[in-house]
Amino acid sequence: MSKPNTALKLHALRHELNWRSETVQAAGIGLCAIASLLGADGEDHQLSEELTSGLAHAALALGELIKETGSRMWEISAPAAPTEFQKQDGAAAVGSAV
């Protein structure tokens, strides 16, 4: 493999990892906000049924995003060796199609 090709692949890898780490960080911020609204901050926020449903769907979407991102990051770092968690969760099969 030539050095320019290696440098290009390394640049692409860093770009993808940057994007994915930003995604995980944003998801964490969102989950913290959801937790606060659901009472983790000790306050009673008097959420309507519609808002509670929206928060539940947002938490589910964030959870799926984090699972997919973790699976992809694992794929990048060790493509031939899925973890036991990935095998149990079925993420190895899903992650390989990402």
C-alpha atoms as a PDB file:
ATOM      1  CA  MET A   1       0.000   0.000   0.000  1.00  0.00           C
ATOM      2  CA  SER A   2       1.409   3.378  -0.949  1.00  0.00           C
ATOM      3  CA  LYS A   3       1.880   6.138   1.605  1.00  0.00           C
ATOM      4  CA  PRO A   4      -0.560   8.565  -0.094  1.00  0.00           C
ATOM      5  CA  ASN A   5      -3.259   5.857  -0.095  1.00  0.00           C
ATOM      6  CA  THR A   6      -2.594   5.111   3.584  1.00  0.00           C
ATOM      7  CA  ALA A   7      -2.740   8.806   4.470  1.00  0.00           C
ATOM      8  CA  LEU A   8      -6.035   9.172   2.599  1.00  0.00           C
ATOM      9  CA  LYS A   9      -7.547   6.183   4.410  1.00  0.00           C
ATOM     10  CA  LEU A  10      -6.333   7.513   7.756  1.00  0.00           C
ATOM     11  CA  HIS A  11      -7.879  10.907   6.994  1.00  0.00           C
ATOM     12  CA  ALA A  12     -11.203   9.254   6.068  1.00  0.00           C
ATOM     13  CA  LEU A  13     -11.109   7.173   9.249  1.00  0.00           C
ATOM     14  CA  ARG A  14     -10.452  10.231  11.417  1.00  0.00           C
ATOM     15  CA  HIS A  15     -13.275  12.102   9.682  1.00  0.00           C
ATOM     16  CA  GLU A  16     -15.751   9.274  10.325  1.00  0.00           C
ATOM     17  CA  LEU A  17     -14.661   8.895  13.955  1.00  0.00           C
ATOM     18  CA  ASN A  18     -14.979  12.672  14.460  1.00  0.00           C
ATOM     19  CA  TRP A  19     -18.497  12.637  13.037  1.00  0.00           C
ATOM     20  CA  ARG A  20     -19.524   9.622  15.100  1.00  0.00           C
ATOM     21  CA  SER A  21     -18.052  11.020  18.329  1.00  0.00           C
ATOM     22  CA  GLU A  22     -19.967  14.275  17.757  1.00  0.00           C
ATOM     23  CA  THR A  23     -23.125  12.205  17.210  1.00  0.00           C
ATOM     24  CA  VAL A  24     -22.632  10.294  20.457  1.00  0.00           C
ATOM     25  CA  GLN A  25     -21.903  13.520  22.360  1.00  0.00           C
ATOM     26  CA  ALA A  26     -25.061  15.171  20.979  1.00  0.00           C
ATOM     27  CA  ALA A  27     -27.094  12.069  21.871  1.00  0.00           C
ATOM     28  CA  GLY A  28     -25.709  12.231  25.418  1.00  0.00           C
ATOM     29  CA  ILE A  29     -26.745  15.873  25.745  1.00  0.00           C
ATOM     30  CA  GLY A  30     -30.225  14.962  24.487  1.00  0.00           C
ATOM     31  CA  LEU A  31     -30.545  12.033  26.877  1.00  0.00           C
ATOM     32  CA  CYS A  32     -29.511  14.230  29.825  1.00  0.00           C
ATOM     33  CA  ALA A  33     -32.204  16.748  28.859  1.00  0.00           C
ATOM     34  CA  ILE A  34     -34.786  13.970  28.584  1.00  0.00           C
ATOM     35  CA  ALA A  35     -33.748  12.599  31.989  1.00  0.00           C
ATOM     36  CA  SER A  36     -34.166  16.037  33.559  1.00  0.00           C
ATOM     37  CA  LEU A  37     -37.623  16.454  32.048  1.00  0.00           C
ATOM     38  CA  LEU A  38     -38.604  13.018  33.321  1.00  0.00           C
ATOM     39  CA  GLY A  39     -37.669  14.019  36.876  1.00  0.00           C
ATOM     40  CA  ALA A  40     -33.986  13.116  37.282  1.00  0.00           C
ATOM     41  CA  ASP A  41     -33.357  16.716  38.340  1.00  0.00           C
ATOM     42  CA  GLY A  42     -35.746  16.296  41.285  1.00  0.00           C
ATOM     43  CA  GLU A  43     -38.327  18.676  39.832  1.00  0.00           C
ATOM     44  CA  ASP A  44     -41.918  17.856  38.871  1.00  0.00           C
ATOM     45  CA  HIS A  45     -42.355  19.043  35.295  1.00  0.00           C
ATOM     46  CA  GLN A  46     -46.059  18.114  34.865  1.00  0.00           C
ATOM     47  CA  LEU A  47     -45.590  16.521  31.444  1.00  0.00           C
ATOM     48  CA  SER A  48     -48.609  15.950  29.253  1.00  0.00           C
ATOM     49  CA  GLU A  49     -49.243  12.498  27.786  1.00  0.00           C
ATOM     50  CA  GLU A  50     -48.249  13.836  24.344  1.00  0.00           C
ATOM     51  CA  LEU A  51     -44.953  15.256  25.634  1.00  0.00           C
ATOM     52  CA  THR A  52     -44.195  12.071  27.586  1.00  0.00           C
ATOM     53  CA  SER A  53     -44.791  10.026  24.438  1.00  0.00           C
ATOM     54  CA  GLY A  54     -42.555  12.356  22.441  1.00  0.00           C
ATOM     55  CA  LEU A  55     -39.785  12.043  25.027  1.00  0.00           C
ATOM     56  CA  ALA A  56     -40.077   8.250  24.999  1.00  0.00           C
ATOM     57  CA  HIS A  57     -39.770   8.199  21.204  1.00  0.00           C
ATOM     58  CA  ALA A  58     -36.796  10.581  21.336  1.00  0.00           C
ATOM     59  CA  ALA A  59     -35.055   8.373  23.916  1.00  0.00           C
ATOM     60  CA  LEU A  60     -35.701   5.304  21.763  1.00  0.00           C
ATOM     61  CA  ALA A  61     -34.327   7.022  18.655  1.00  0.00           C
ATOM     62  CA  LEU A  62     -31.244   8.199  20.572  1.00  0.00           C
ATOM     63  CA  GLY A  63     -30.710   4.691  21.941  1.00  0.00           C
ATOM     64  CA  GLU A  64     -30.886   3.173  18.469  1.00  0.00           C
ATOM     65  CA  LEU A  65     -28.501   5.837  17.149  1.00  0.00           C
ATOM     66  CA  ILE A  66     -25.986   5.119  19.893  1.00  0.00           C
ATOM     67  CA  LYS A  67     -26.245   1.346  19.313  1.00  0.00           C
ATOM     68  CA  GLU A  68     -25.658   1.788  15.568  1.00  0.00           C
ATOM     69  CA  THR A  69     -22.789   4.207  16.135  1.00  0.00           C
ATOM     70  CA  GLY A  70     -21.123   1.881  18.632  1.00  0.00           C
ATOM     71  CA  SER A  71     -21.515  -1.031  16.255  1.00  0.00           C
ATOM     72  CA  ARG A  72     -19.976   0.948  13.392  1.00  0.00           C
ATOM     73  CA  MET A  73     -17.087   2.142  15.550  1.00  0.00           C
ATOM     74  CA  TRP A  74     -16.441  -1.461  16.575  1.00  0.00           C
ATOM     75  CA  GLU A  75     -16.544  -2.472  12.916  1.00  0.00           C
ATOM     76  CA  ILE A  76     -13.922   0.160  12.099  1.00  0.00           C
ATOM     77  CA  SER A  77     -11.587  -0.864  14.914  1.00  0.00           C
ATOM     78  CA  ALA A  78     -11.910  -4.673  14.699  1.00  0.00           C
ATOM     79  CA  PRO A  79     -14.024  -5.782  11.720  1.00  0.00           C
ATOM     80  CA  ALA A  80     -13.409  -9.523  12.094  1.00  0.00           C
ATOM     81  CA  ALA A  81     -14.199  -9.953  15.795  1.00  0.00           C
ATOM     82  CA  PRO A  82     -17.714  -9.020  17.062  1.00  0.00           C
ATOM     83  CA  THR A  83     -18.132  -8.787  20.828  1.00  0.00           C
ATOM     84  CA  GLU A  84     -20.336 -11.138  22.831  1.00  0.00           C
ATOM     85  CA  PHE A  85     -22.755  -8.235  23.342  1.00  0.00           C
ATOM     86  CA  GLN A  86     -23.006  -7.720  19.573  1.00  0.00           C
ATOM     87  CA  LYS A  87     -23.681 -11.430  19.058  1.00  0.00           C
ATOM     88  CA  GLN A  88     -26.405 -11.469  21.739  1.00  0.00           C
ATOM     89  CA  ASP A  89     -27.955  -8.207  20.585  1.00  0.00           C
ATOM     90  CA  GLY A  90     -27.844  -9.103  16.896  1.00  0.00           C
ATOM     91  CA  ALA A  91     -25.868  -5.910  16.287  1.00  0.00           C
ATOM     92  CA  ALA A  92     -23.049  -7.792  14.549  1.00  0.00           C
ATOM     93  CA  ALA A  93     -25.347  -8.704  11.679  1.00  0.00           C
ATOM     94  CA  VAL A  94     -26.954  -5.260  11.605  1.00  0.00           C
ATOM     95  CA  GLY A  95     -23.626  -3.447  11.999  1.00  0.00           C
ATOM     96  CA  SER A  96     -22.053  -5.259   9.065  1.00  0.00           C
ATOM     97  CA  ALA A  97     -24.770  -3.892   6.777  1.00  0.00           C
ATOM     98  CA  VAL A  98     -24.181  -0.288   7.890  1.00  0.00           C
END
